[in-house]
């Protein structure tokens, strides 16, 4: 789910666009499952995912970049200036683990 990257760490995400509310649903099949209300049209769901991750992880918008999966439910986000260990700790704390 979290892999070290030269610019920080990557986070695997499973997206659920068109949901009833924006929420982090937990871990599913090795990815962080995120639900967003935005539809999967014209990048609106991807933008909503970035905002949800920004709030949930407590990082700046400029630290988050979609690396792969722009048109797929399975996505990989780069979280800049955060080590894999730091990101793992944030995710574990947020999930209550």
N, C-alpha and C. Protein backbone atom coordinates (compact mmCIF):
# COMPACT_ATOMS: atom_id res chain seq x y z
N UNK A 1 0.82 -1.19 0.00
CA UNK A 1 0.00 0.00 0.00
C UNK A 1 0.87 1.25 0.00
N UNK A 2 1.94 1.27 0.80
CA UNK A 2 2.84 2.42 0.87
C UNK A 2 4.23 1.98 0.45
N UNK A 3 4.80 2.72 -0.51
CA UNK A 3 6.12 2.38 -1.05
C UNK A 3 6.98 3.63 -1.03
N UNK A 4 8.24 3.45 -0.69
CA UNK A 4 9.19 4.56 -0.69
C UNK A 4 9.40 5.07 -2.12
N UNK A 5 9.59 6.38 -2.26
CA UNK A 5 9.79 7.03 -3.55
C UNK A 5 10.88 8.08 -3.36
N UNK A 6 11.59 8.42 -4.41
CA UNK A 6 12.68 9.40 -4.28
C UNK A 6 12.19 10.76 -3.79
N UNK A 7 10.93 11.11 -4.08
CA UNK A 7 10.39 12.40 -3.65
C UNK A 7 9.53 12.31 -2.40
N UNK A 8 9.37 11.12 -1.85
CA UNK A 8 8.54 10.94 -0.66
C UNK A 8 8.09 9.50 -0.55
N UNK A 9 6.77 9.28 -0.65
CA UNK A 9 6.21 7.93 -0.58
C UNK A 9 4.97 7.87 -1.47
N UNK A 10 4.69 6.66 -1.98
CA UNK A 10 3.49 6.49 -2.78
C UNK A 10 2.45 5.74 -1.96
N UNK A 11 1.19 6.03 -2.26
CA UNK A 11 0.06 5.44 -1.56
C UNK A 11 -0.91 4.87 -2.59
N UNK A 12 -1.19 3.57 -2.48
CA UNK A 12 -2.16 2.93 -3.38
C UNK A 12 -3.56 3.22 -2.86
N UNK A 13 -4.43 3.62 -3.79
CA UNK A 13 -5.80 4.00 -3.43
C UNK A 13 -6.79 3.28 -4.33
N UNK A 14 -7.89 2.84 -3.76
CA UNK A 14 -9.02 2.28 -4.51
C UNK A 14 -10.14 3.30 -4.38
N UNK A 15 -10.54 3.89 -5.50
CA UNK A 15 -11.53 4.97 -5.49
C UNK A 15 -12.95 4.45 -5.68
N UNK A 16 -13.89 5.11 -5.01
CA UNK A 16 -15.31 4.85 -5.19
C UNK A 16 -16.00 6.18 -5.47
N UNK A 17 -16.03 6.60 -6.75
CA UNK A 17 -16.68 7.87 -7.08
C UNK A 17 -18.19 7.75 -7.01
N UNK A 18 -18.87 8.90 -6.87
CA UNK A 18 -20.33 8.90 -6.84
C UNK A 18 -20.92 8.35 -5.56
N UNK A 19 -20.17 8.37 -4.48
CA UNK A 19 -20.65 7.86 -3.20
C UNK A 19 -21.58 8.88 -2.53
N UNK A 20 -22.22 8.47 -1.45
CA UNK A 20 -23.13 9.37 -0.73
C UNK A 20 -22.39 10.43 0.05
N UNK A 21 -21.16 10.10 0.48
CA UNK A 21 -20.36 11.08 1.23
C UNK A 21 -18.88 10.82 1.00
N UNK A 22 -18.07 11.86 1.25
CA UNK A 22 -16.62 11.71 1.16
C UNK A 22 -16.14 11.04 2.43
N UNK A 23 -15.42 9.93 2.29
CA UNK A 23 -14.95 9.21 3.47
C UNK A 23 -13.82 8.26 3.12
N UNK A 24 -13.01 7.97 4.14
CA UNK A 24 -11.99 6.93 4.05
C UNK A 24 -12.65 5.67 4.58
N UNK A 25 -12.74 4.65 3.74
CA UNK A 25 -13.48 3.44 4.07
C UNK A 25 -12.62 2.34 4.70
N UNK A 26 -11.31 2.55 4.77
CA UNK A 26 -10.42 1.54 5.32
C UNK A 26 -9.51 0.97 4.26
N UNK A 27 -8.99 -0.22 4.52
CA UNK A 27 -8.07 -0.86 3.59
C UNK A 27 -8.80 -2.00 2.89
N UNK A 28 -8.65 -2.06 1.56
CA UNK A 28 -9.26 -3.12 0.78
C UNK A 28 -8.25 -3.61 -0.25
N UNK A 29 -7.94 -4.88 -0.22
CA UNK A 29 -7.03 -5.51 -1.18
C UNK A 29 -5.70 -4.77 -1.29
N UNK A 30 -5.15 -4.35 -0.16
CA UNK A 30 -3.85 -3.70 -0.15
C UNK A 30 -3.86 -2.24 -0.57
N UNK A 31 -5.04 -1.63 -0.68
CA UNK A 31 -5.16 -0.22 -1.04
C UNK A 31 -6.05 0.48 -0.03
N UNK A 32 -5.83 1.77 0.12
CA UNK A 32 -6.68 2.59 0.96
C UNK A 32 -7.93 2.91 0.16
N UNK A 33 -9.11 2.52 0.65
CA UNK A 33 -10.34 2.75 -0.09
C UNK A 33 -10.91 4.12 0.29
N UNK A 34 -11.12 4.95 -0.74
CA UNK A 34 -11.65 6.29 -0.54
C UNK A 34 -12.95 6.45 -1.33
N UNK A 35 -13.97 6.98 -0.68
CA UNK A 35 -15.24 7.26 -1.33
C UNK A 35 -15.39 8.76 -1.47
N UNK A 36 -15.79 9.21 -2.66
CA UNK A 36 -16.02 10.64 -2.89
C UNK A 36 -17.36 10.81 -3.61
N UNK A 37 -18.01 11.94 -3.35
CA UNK A 37 -19.31 12.21 -3.95
C UNK A 37 -19.20 12.63 -5.40
N UNK A 38 -18.05 13.13 -5.80
CA UNK A 38 -17.86 13.62 -7.17
C UNK A 38 -17.97 12.49 -8.19
N UNK A 39 -18.55 12.78 -9.35
CA UNK A 39 -18.65 11.76 -10.39
C UNK A 39 -17.30 11.58 -11.11
N UNK A 40 -17.10 10.42 -11.74
CA UNK A 40 -15.84 10.18 -12.45
C UNK A 40 -15.83 10.82 -13.83
N UNK A 41 -16.03 12.12 -13.88
CA UNK A 41 -16.09 12.86 -15.14
C UNK A 41 -15.13 14.03 -15.11
N UNK A 42 -14.37 14.21 -16.17
CA UNK A 42 -13.49 15.37 -16.34
C UNK A 42 -12.55 15.60 -15.16
N UNK A 43 -12.13 14.51 -14.52
CA UNK A 43 -11.17 14.63 -13.43
C UNK A 43 -11.74 15.11 -12.11
N UNK A 44 -13.07 15.24 -12.02
CA UNK A 44 -13.66 15.77 -10.79
C UNK A 44 -13.48 14.81 -9.60
N UNK A 45 -13.60 13.51 -9.84
CA UNK A 45 -13.40 12.54 -8.76
C UNK A 45 -11.94 12.55 -8.31
N UNK A 46 -11.01 12.67 -9.25
CA UNK A 46 -9.58 12.72 -8.88
C UNK A 46 -9.29 13.94 -8.03
N UNK A 47 -9.86 15.09 -8.38
CA UNK A 47 -9.66 16.30 -7.60
C UNK A 47 -10.24 16.14 -6.19
N UNK A 48 -11.40 15.49 -6.10
CA UNK A 48 -12.03 15.25 -4.80
C UNK A 48 -11.18 14.28 -3.96
N UNK A 49 -10.58 13.30 -4.61
CA UNK A 49 -9.70 12.36 -3.90
C UNK A 49 -8.49 13.09 -3.32
N UNK A 50 -7.91 14.00 -4.09
CA UNK A 50 -6.76 14.77 -3.62
C UNK A 50 -7.15 15.59 -2.39
N UNK A 51 -8.31 16.24 -2.43
CA UNK A 51 -8.77 17.05 -1.30
C UNK A 51 -9.04 16.19 -0.07
N UNK A 52 -9.64 15.02 -0.27
CA UNK A 52 -9.90 14.11 0.84
C UNK A 52 -8.59 13.64 1.46
N UNK A 53 -7.63 13.26 0.62
CA UNK A 53 -6.32 12.83 1.12
C UNK A 53 -5.61 13.96 1.86
N UNK A 54 -5.69 15.16 1.31
CA UNK A 54 -5.04 16.33 1.93
C UNK A 54 -5.56 16.52 3.35
N UNK A 55 -6.86 16.52 3.50
CA UNK A 55 -7.46 16.70 4.83
C UNK A 55 -7.13 15.54 5.75
N UNK A 56 -7.27 14.32 5.24
CA UNK A 56 -7.12 13.13 6.06
C UNK A 56 -5.67 12.91 6.52
N UNK A 57 -4.72 13.19 5.62
CA UNK A 57 -3.30 13.00 5.96
C UNK A 57 -2.69 14.22 6.65
N UNK A 58 -3.35 15.38 6.53
CA UNK A 58 -2.82 16.59 7.15
C UNK A 58 -1.61 17.15 6.42
N UNK A 59 -1.63 17.07 5.09
CA UNK A 59 -0.53 17.60 4.28
C UNK A 59 -1.05 18.72 3.38
N UNK A 60 -0.12 19.44 2.76
CA UNK A 60 -0.51 20.51 1.83
C UNK A 60 -0.96 19.91 0.49
N UNK A 61 -1.80 20.62 -0.21
CA UNK A 61 -2.29 20.19 -1.52
C UNK A 61 -1.12 19.98 -2.48
N UNK A 62 -0.12 20.83 -2.39
CA UNK A 62 1.02 20.74 -3.30
C UNK A 62 1.88 19.49 -3.07
N UNK A 63 1.68 18.80 -1.95
CA UNK A 63 2.44 17.59 -1.65
C UNK A 63 1.85 16.35 -2.30
N UNK A 64 0.64 16.44 -2.83
CA UNK A 64 -0.05 15.27 -3.37
C UNK A 64 -0.12 15.34 -4.89
N UNK A 65 0.30 14.25 -5.52
CA UNK A 65 0.27 14.16 -6.98
C UNK A 65 -0.23 12.79 -7.39
N UNK A 66 -1.14 12.74 -8.35
CA UNK A 66 -1.63 11.48 -8.89
C UNK A 66 -0.59 10.96 -9.88
N UNK A 67 0.03 9.81 -9.54
CA UNK A 67 1.06 9.23 -10.42
C UNK A 67 0.47 8.33 -11.48
N UNK A 68 -0.52 7.54 -11.12
CA UNK A 68 -1.11 6.62 -12.10
C UNK A 68 -2.56 6.33 -11.75
N UNK A 69 -3.32 5.93 -12.76
CA UNK A 69 -4.71 5.54 -12.55
C UNK A 69 -5.71 6.66 -12.75
N UNK A 70 -5.39 7.65 -13.56
CA UNK A 70 -6.29 8.80 -13.75
C UNK A 70 -7.68 8.38 -14.20
N UNK A 71 -7.79 7.30 -14.98
CA UNK A 71 -9.09 6.86 -15.47
C UNK A 71 -9.46 5.47 -14.95
N UNK A 72 -8.88 5.09 -13.83
CA UNK A 72 -9.08 3.77 -13.26
C UNK A 72 -9.45 3.93 -11.78
N UNK A 73 -10.14 2.95 -11.22
CA UNK A 73 -10.46 3.01 -9.78
C UNK A 73 -9.21 2.81 -8.93
N UNK A 74 -8.25 2.05 -9.45
CA UNK A 74 -7.00 1.81 -8.72
C UNK A 74 -6.00 2.90 -9.09
N UNK A 75 -5.56 3.65 -8.09
CA UNK A 75 -4.71 4.82 -8.32
C UNK A 75 -3.49 4.75 -7.41
N UNK A 76 -2.46 5.48 -7.80
CA UNK A 76 -1.27 5.62 -6.96
C UNK A 76 -1.00 7.12 -6.83
N UNK A 77 -0.95 7.58 -5.59
CA UNK A 77 -0.66 8.98 -5.30
C UNK A 77 0.73 9.10 -4.70
N UNK A 78 1.46 10.13 -5.13
CA UNK A 78 2.74 10.46 -4.52
C UNK A 78 2.48 11.50 -3.44
N UNK A 79 3.00 11.22 -2.24
CA UNK A 79 2.93 12.19 -1.15
C UNK A 79 4.36 12.69 -0.97
N UNK A 80 4.61 13.92 -1.38
CA UNK A 80 5.96 14.48 -1.36
C UNK A 80 6.40 14.86 0.06
N UNK A 81 7.71 14.80 0.28
CA UNK A 81 8.34 15.25 1.53
C UNK A 81 7.87 14.49 2.76
N UNK A 82 7.40 13.25 2.56
CA UNK A 82 7.00 12.38 3.66
C UNK A 82 7.61 11.02 3.39
N UNK A 83 8.34 10.47 4.37
CA UNK A 83 8.94 9.16 4.17
C UNK A 83 7.86 8.08 4.23
N UNK A 84 8.18 6.90 3.72
CA UNK A 84 7.24 5.79 3.76
C UNK A 84 6.88 5.45 5.21
N UNK A 85 7.84 5.51 6.10
CA UNK A 85 7.58 5.21 7.52
C UNK A 85 6.66 6.27 8.14
N UNK A 86 6.88 7.53 7.81
CA UNK A 86 6.02 8.60 8.33
C UNK A 86 4.60 8.45 7.80
N UNK A 87 4.47 8.16 6.50
CA UNK A 87 3.15 7.98 5.91
C UNK A 87 2.44 6.78 6.51
N UNK A 88 3.18 5.70 6.72
CA UNK A 88 2.60 4.51 7.34
C UNK A 88 2.08 4.83 8.73
N UNK A 89 2.83 5.62 9.49
CA UNK A 89 2.42 6.00 10.84
C UNK A 89 1.15 6.87 10.81
N UNK A 90 1.08 7.80 9.87
CA UNK A 90 -0.10 8.67 9.75
C UNK A 90 -1.32 7.85 9.40
N UNK A 91 -1.19 6.96 8.41
CA UNK A 91 -2.31 6.12 7.98
C UNK A 91 -2.77 5.22 9.12
N UNK A 92 -1.83 4.59 9.81
CA UNK A 92 -2.18 3.70 10.92
C UNK A 92 -2.91 4.47 12.03
N UNK A 93 -2.43 5.67 12.32
CA UNK A 93 -3.07 6.49 13.36
C UNK A 93 -4.49 6.90 12.94
N UNK A 94 -4.63 7.31 11.70
CA UNK A 94 -5.95 7.73 11.20
C UNK A 94 -6.95 6.57 11.16
N UNK A 95 -6.45 5.37 10.87
CA UNK A 95 -7.32 4.20 10.82
C UNK A 95 -7.56 3.58 12.20
N UNK A 96 -6.87 4.14 13.20
CA UNK A 96 -7.03 3.65 14.57
C UNK A 96 -6.36 2.32 14.82
N UNK A 97 -5.24 2.09 14.14
CA UNK A 97 -4.50 0.83 14.31
C UNK A 97 -3.32 1.00 15.23
